[in-house]
Amino acid sequence: MSSSAESHEIAIAIDGRLAASATVSRTDDPAVVRSAMHVESGHLPPGARSGLVDAVLDDPTVRRASHLSASMPIGETEMVDRVRERADSVELRATGATKMVECDLPPDPAAPGTTG
C-alpha cells in the first residue's frame, strides 16, 4: 500500500513557536490513512503532544478512515497514551529512532449512516 500524492500538514504552535507537526497522507486504500508526527526538541508545555494527536485524529481525512498508521518519535509516551484513549486495537513496533503505531479508528459519528 502506497501513499497517494494527496497529503497535508498539521501544525501546533504555542506562544508563536512551532511545537509539533504532522503530515497526513491518504493511501491507495480509502480506509487507511498515514501520519508522520514530529515534536520539536526542548521543553513543551503539558498537553502539547496529546494536542497533536487530537488534531490528527480530528482531521477530516483521518475521520473518514477506519485505520491509522502513524510514525512518531520512539520516546513519546504521551502521544501513545492519547492514541490509546481515542483509538481501538493499538499496536506498536519500534523502527530505529521511530515507533510505528497501527490502530483502528472508531466510526465518525458525523458520517452519514452512523448513529451517535
N, C-alpha and C. Protein backbone atom coordinates (compact mmCIF):
# COMPACT_ATOMS: atom_id res chain seq x y z
N MET A 1 0.85 -1.17 0.00
CA MET A 1 0.00 0.00 0.00
C MET A 1 0.89 1.23 0.00
N SER A 2 0.65 2.10 -0.91
CA SER A 2 1.48 3.30 -1.01
C SER A 2 0.68 4.53 -0.66
N SER A 3 1.40 5.58 -0.29
CA SER A 3 0.74 6.85 -0.01
C SER A 3 0.38 7.52 -1.33
N SER A 4 -0.72 8.22 -1.33
CA SER A 4 -1.09 8.98 -2.51
C SER A 4 -0.40 10.33 -2.47
N ALA A 5 -0.51 11.04 -3.56
CA ALA A 5 0.11 12.37 -3.62
C ALA A 5 -0.63 13.38 -2.76
N GLU A 6 -1.81 13.01 -2.31
CA GLU A 6 -2.62 13.93 -1.53
C GLU A 6 -2.24 13.87 -0.05
N SER A 7 -1.55 14.89 0.42
CA SER A 7 -1.18 14.97 1.83
C SER A 7 -1.26 16.43 2.28
N HIS A 8 -1.32 16.61 3.57
CA HIS A 8 -1.34 17.96 4.12
C HIS A 8 -0.68 17.96 5.50
N GLU A 9 -0.35 19.16 5.94
CA GLU A 9 0.36 19.34 7.21
C GLU A 9 -0.59 19.85 8.29
N ILE A 10 -0.31 19.44 9.51
CA ILE A 10 -0.97 19.95 10.70
C ILE A 10 0.13 20.51 11.59
N ALA A 11 -0.04 21.71 12.10
CA ALA A 11 0.98 22.32 12.95
C ALA A 11 0.35 22.79 14.25
N ILE A 12 1.07 22.58 15.34
CA ILE A 12 0.66 23.05 16.66
C ILE A 12 1.68 24.10 17.09
N ALA A 13 1.23 25.33 17.27
CA ALA A 13 2.11 26.41 17.72
C ALA A 13 1.71 26.82 19.13
N ILE A 14 2.71 27.05 19.95
CA ILE A 14 2.48 27.51 21.32
C ILE A 14 3.33 28.76 21.52
N ASP A 15 2.67 29.84 21.91
CA ASP A 15 3.35 31.14 22.09
C ASP A 15 4.12 31.54 20.84
N GLY A 16 3.52 31.29 19.68
CA GLY A 16 4.11 31.68 18.41
C GLY A 16 5.26 30.81 17.94
N ARG A 17 5.53 29.72 18.64
CA ARG A 17 6.63 28.82 18.30
C ARG A 17 6.06 27.47 17.88
N LEU A 18 6.57 26.92 16.78
CA LEU A 18 6.15 25.59 16.35
C LEU A 18 6.53 24.59 17.42
N ALA A 19 5.56 23.84 17.93
CA ALA A 19 5.81 22.84 18.97
C ALA A 19 5.75 21.43 18.41
N ALA A 20 4.83 21.20 17.48
CA ALA A 20 4.65 19.86 16.94
C ALA A 20 3.99 19.96 15.57
N SER A 21 4.24 18.95 14.75
CA SER A 21 3.63 18.94 13.42
C SER A 21 3.40 17.51 12.98
N ALA A 22 2.55 17.37 11.99
CA ALA A 22 2.26 16.06 11.43
C ALA A 22 1.92 16.22 9.95
N THR A 23 2.28 15.22 9.19
CA THR A 23 1.86 15.11 7.81
C THR A 23 0.80 14.01 7.77
N VAL A 24 -0.32 14.30 7.16
CA VAL A 24 -1.39 13.31 7.00
C VAL A 24 -1.49 12.99 5.51
N SER A 25 -1.45 11.69 5.19
CA SER A 25 -1.48 11.25 3.80
C SER A 25 -2.52 10.16 3.60
N ARG A 26 -3.25 10.29 2.53
CA ARG A 26 -4.16 9.21 2.13
C ARG A 26 -3.33 8.11 1.50
N THR A 27 -3.88 6.92 1.43
CA THR A 27 -3.21 5.79 0.79
C THR A 27 -4.10 5.29 -0.36
N ASP A 28 -3.62 4.29 -1.05
CA ASP A 28 -4.42 3.69 -2.12
C ASP A 28 -5.71 3.07 -1.58
N ASP A 29 -5.68 2.69 -0.32
CA ASP A 29 -6.86 2.11 0.35
C ASP A 29 -7.58 3.25 1.07
N PRO A 30 -8.82 3.58 0.69
CA PRO A 30 -9.51 4.71 1.33
C PRO A 30 -9.80 4.50 2.82
N ALA A 31 -9.70 3.27 3.30
CA ALA A 31 -9.95 3.01 4.72
C ALA A 31 -8.71 3.25 5.57
N VAL A 32 -7.56 3.46 4.93
CA VAL A 32 -6.30 3.60 5.66
C VAL A 32 -5.68 4.97 5.38
N VAL A 33 -5.23 5.61 6.45
CA VAL A 33 -4.54 6.90 6.33
C VAL A 33 -3.23 6.80 7.11
N ARG A 34 -2.23 7.55 6.66
CA ARG A 34 -0.92 7.57 7.32
C ARG A 34 -0.67 8.95 7.89
N SER A 35 0.13 8.95 8.96
CA SER A 35 0.55 10.22 9.54
C SER A 35 1.97 10.08 10.08
N ALA A 36 2.77 11.09 9.84
CA ALA A 36 4.11 11.18 10.41
C ALA A 36 4.09 12.34 11.40
N MET A 37 4.21 12.02 12.69
CA MET A 37 4.13 13.03 13.74
C MET A 37 5.52 13.38 14.25
N HIS A 38 5.73 14.66 14.52
CA HIS A 38 7.02 15.16 14.97
C HIS A 38 6.81 16.20 16.05
N VAL A 39 7.64 16.15 17.09
CA VAL A 39 7.63 17.20 18.12
C VAL A 39 8.99 17.88 18.13
N GLU A 40 8.99 19.16 18.37
CA GLU A 40 10.24 19.92 18.43
C GLU A 40 10.99 19.55 19.70
N SER A 41 12.29 19.70 19.67
CA SER A 41 13.10 19.41 20.85
C SER A 41 12.93 20.52 21.89
N GLY A 42 13.29 20.20 23.10
CA GLY A 42 13.18 21.17 24.17
C GLY A 42 11.91 20.97 24.98
N HIS A 43 11.75 21.81 25.97
CA HIS A 43 10.58 21.71 26.85
C HIS A 43 9.32 22.15 26.11
N LEU A 44 8.29 21.33 26.22
CA LEU A 44 6.98 21.68 25.70
C LEU A 44 5.98 21.64 26.85
N PRO A 45 5.01 22.51 26.84
CA PRO A 45 4.02 22.50 27.92
C PRO A 45 3.24 21.20 27.93
N PRO A 46 2.74 20.79 29.10
CA PRO A 46 1.92 19.59 29.17
C PRO A 46 0.74 19.70 28.20
N GLY A 47 0.46 18.62 27.53
CA GLY A 47 -0.66 18.59 26.60
C GLY A 47 -0.32 18.92 25.17
N ALA A 48 0.87 19.43 24.91
CA ALA A 48 1.24 19.78 23.53
C ALA A 48 1.27 18.54 22.65
N ARG A 49 1.84 17.47 23.17
CA ARG A 49 1.96 16.23 22.40
C ARG A 49 0.59 15.59 22.17
N SER A 50 -0.22 15.52 23.22
CA SER A 50 -1.56 14.94 23.05
C SER A 50 -2.42 15.85 22.18
N GLY A 51 -2.15 17.14 22.20
CA GLY A 51 -2.87 18.07 21.31
C GLY A 51 -2.61 17.77 19.85
N LEU A 52 -1.38 17.37 19.53
CA LEU A 52 -1.07 16.99 18.15
C LEU A 52 -1.85 15.73 17.77
N VAL A 53 -1.87 14.75 18.67
CA VAL A 53 -2.62 13.52 18.38
C VAL A 53 -4.10 13.85 18.18
N ASP A 54 -4.66 14.70 19.03
CA ASP A 54 -6.07 15.10 18.86
C ASP A 54 -6.29 15.77 17.52
N ALA A 55 -5.39 16.66 17.13
CA ALA A 55 -5.54 17.37 15.85
C ALA A 55 -5.49 16.38 14.68
N VAL A 56 -4.62 15.38 14.76
CA VAL A 56 -4.54 14.37 13.70
C VAL A 56 -5.82 13.54 13.68
N LEU A 57 -6.25 13.04 14.85
CA LEU A 57 -7.43 12.18 14.88
C LEU A 57 -8.72 12.93 14.54
N ASP A 58 -8.74 14.24 14.74
CA ASP A 58 -9.91 15.05 14.41
C ASP A 58 -9.89 15.57 12.97
N ASP A 59 -8.79 15.34 12.27
CA ASP A 59 -8.66 15.78 10.88
C ASP A 59 -9.71 15.07 10.02
N PRO A 60 -10.39 15.77 9.12
CA PRO A 60 -11.42 15.15 8.30
C PRO A 60 -10.95 13.93 7.49
N THR A 61 -9.73 13.96 6.98
CA THR A 61 -9.22 12.82 6.23
C THR A 61 -9.09 11.60 7.14
N VAL A 62 -8.62 11.81 8.35
CA VAL A 62 -8.46 10.70 9.30
C VAL A 62 -9.83 10.22 9.77
N ARG A 63 -10.75 11.12 10.01
CA ARG A 63 -12.09 10.73 10.49
C ARG A 63 -12.83 9.86 9.49
N ARG A 64 -12.54 10.02 8.20
CA ARG A 64 -13.19 9.19 7.18
C ARG A 64 -12.58 7.80 7.06
N ALA A 65 -11.41 7.60 7.66
CA ALA A 65 -10.72 6.32 7.57
C ALA A 65 -11.10 5.42 8.75
N SER A 66 -10.78 4.14 8.62
CA SER A 66 -11.03 3.21 9.72
C SER A 66 -9.73 2.69 10.33
N HIS A 67 -8.59 3.05 9.71
CA HIS A 67 -7.29 2.60 10.24
C HIS A 67 -6.26 3.71 10.06
N LEU A 68 -5.43 3.89 11.09
CA LEU A 68 -4.35 4.87 11.05
C LEU A 68 -3.03 4.15 11.24
N SER A 69 -2.08 4.47 10.38
CA SER A 69 -0.71 4.01 10.50
C SER A 69 0.14 5.26 10.72
N ALA A 70 0.68 5.41 11.94
CA ALA A 70 1.38 6.65 12.29
C ALA A 70 2.80 6.37 12.75
N SER A 71 3.69 7.27 12.40
CA SER A 71 5.04 7.22 12.95
C SER A 71 5.19 8.37 13.93
N MET A 72 5.96 8.12 14.99
CA MET A 72 6.24 9.15 15.98
C MET A 72 7.56 8.82 16.65
N PRO A 73 8.19 9.79 17.30
CA PRO A 73 9.46 9.53 17.97
C PRO A 73 9.32 8.39 18.98
N ILE A 74 10.34 7.57 19.09
CA ILE A 74 10.31 6.36 19.92
C ILE A 74 9.98 6.64 21.38
N GLY A 75 10.43 7.74 21.94
CA GLY A 75 10.23 8.01 23.37
C GLY A 75 8.94 8.72 23.73
N GLU A 76 8.06 8.93 22.79
CA GLU A 76 6.86 9.72 23.03
C GLU A 76 5.74 8.90 23.67
N THR A 77 5.72 8.84 25.00
CA THR A 77 4.68 8.08 25.68
C THR A 77 3.36 8.87 25.77
N GLU A 78 3.43 10.19 25.91
CA GLU A 78 2.20 10.99 25.98
C GLU A 78 1.37 10.83 24.71
N MET A 79 2.04 10.78 23.57
CA MET A 79 1.33 10.64 22.30
C MET A 79 0.69 9.25 22.20
N VAL A 80 1.42 8.22 22.58
CA VAL A 80 0.87 6.86 22.53
C VAL A 80 -0.30 6.72 23.49
N ASP A 81 -0.17 7.28 24.69
CA ASP A 81 -1.27 7.22 25.65
C ASP A 81 -2.53 7.85 25.08
N ARG A 82 -2.37 8.98 24.39
CA ARG A 82 -3.54 9.65 23.81
C ARG A 82 -4.15 8.82 22.68
N VAL A 83 -3.33 8.20 21.85
CA VAL A 83 -3.85 7.31 20.81
C VAL A 83 -4.64 6.18 21.46
N ARG A 84 -4.10 5.61 22.52
CA ARG A 84 -4.80 4.50 23.21
C ARG A 84 -6.14 4.94 23.78
N GLU A 85 -6.24 6.20 24.23
CA GLU A 85 -7.50 6.72 24.76
C GLU A 85 -8.55 6.87 23.67
N ARG A 86 -8.12 7.17 22.46
CA ARG A 86 -9.08 7.54 21.41
C ARG A 86 -9.28 6.50 20.31
N ALA A 87 -8.41 5.49 20.25
CA ALA A 87 -8.49 4.51 19.16
C ALA A 87 -8.61 3.10 19.72
N ASP A 88 -8.85 2.17 18.83
CA ASP A 88 -9.00 0.77 19.20
C ASP A 88 -7.85 -0.05 18.64
N SER A 89 -7.61 -1.19 19.24
CA SER A 89 -6.62 -2.16 18.74
C SER A 89 -5.29 -1.50 18.40
N VAL A 90 -4.70 -0.82 19.36
CA VAL A 90 -3.44 -0.10 19.14
C VAL A 90 -2.27 -1.07 19.23
N GLU A 91 -1.44 -1.09 18.20
CA GLU A 91 -0.24 -1.91 18.17
C GLU A 91 0.96 -1.02 17.91
N LEU A 92 2.07 -1.30 18.59
CA LEU A 92 3.29 -0.51 18.47
C LEU A 92 4.44 -1.40 18.02
N ARG A 93 5.35 -0.81 17.25
CA ARG A 93 6.60 -1.50 16.95
C ARG A 93 7.68 -0.45 16.72
N ALA A 94 8.85 -0.77 17.24
CA ALA A 94 9.99 0.14 17.10
C ALA A 94 10.64 -0.06 15.75
N THR A 95 11.03 1.05 15.14
CA THR A 95 11.76 1.02 13.87
C THR A 95 12.87 2.05 13.96
N GLY A 96 13.94 1.70 14.67
CA GLY A 96 15.04 2.64 14.87
C GLY A 96 14.66 3.71 15.88
N ALA A 97 14.83 4.98 15.51
CA ALA A 97 14.50 6.10 16.39
C ALA A 97 13.03 6.49 16.31
N THR A 98 12.26 5.70 15.59
CA THR A 98 10.85 5.96 15.38
C THR A 98 10.03 4.77 15.86
N LYS A 99 8.80 5.02 16.24
CA LYS A 99 7.89 3.91 16.51
C LYS A 99 6.73 4.02 15.54
N MET A 100 6.26 2.87 15.10
CA MET A 100 5.08 2.82 14.25
C MET A 100 3.89 2.44 15.13
N VAL A 101 2.83 3.17 14.96
CA VAL A 101 1.60 2.94 15.71
C VAL A 101 0.52 2.59 14.69
N GLU A 102 -0.04 1.41 14.84
CA GLU A 102 -1.14 0.96 13.99
C GLU A 102 -2.38 0.89 14.87
N CYS A 103 -3.48 1.49 14.42
CA CYS A 103 -4.68 1.44 15.24
C CYS A 103 -5.93 1.51 14.37
N ASP A 104 -6.97 0.91 14.89
CA ASP A 104 -8.29 1.01 14.27
C ASP A 104 -8.97 2.23 14.85
N LEU A 105 -9.69 2.94 14.00
CA LEU A 105 -10.35 4.17 14.42
C LEU A 105 -11.84 3.94 14.61
N PRO A 106 -12.43 4.56 15.61
CA PRO A 106 -13.88 4.44 15.79
C PRO A 106 -14.60 5.12 14.63
N PRO A 107 -15.82 4.68 14.32
CA PRO A 107 -16.57 5.35 13.25
C PRO A 107 -16.82 6.81 13.58
N ASP A 108 -16.81 7.63 12.55
CA ASP A 108 -17.09 9.06 12.71
C ASP A 108 -18.57 9.24 12.96
N PRO A 109 -18.98 9.74 14.14
CA PRO A 109 -20.40 9.90 14.43
C PRO A 109 -21.09 10.89 13.50
N ALA A 110 -20.34 11.75 12.84
CA ALA A 110 -20.92 12.73 11.92
C ALA A 110 -21.11 12.15 10.52
N ALA A 111 -20.58 10.95 10.28
CA ALA A 111 -20.69 10.35 8.95
C ALA A 111 -22.12 9.88 8.69
N PRO A 112 -22.58 10.01 7.44
CA PRO A 112 -23.93 9.54 7.11
C PRO A 112 -24.07 8.06 7.41
N GLY A 113 -25.21 7.69 7.98
CA GLY A 113 -25.50 6.29 8.25
C GLY A 113 -24.98 5.80 9.58
N THR A 114 -24.35 6.65 10.38
CA THR A 114 -23.91 6.24 11.70
C THR A 114 -24.76 6.91 12.75
N THR A 115 -24.88 6.26 13.88
CA THR A 115 -25.64 6.85 14.97
C THR A 115 -24.70 7.21 16.09
N GLY A 116 -25.03 8.18 16.87
CA GLY A 116 -24.17 8.51 17.99
C GLY A 116 -24.30 9.88 18.45
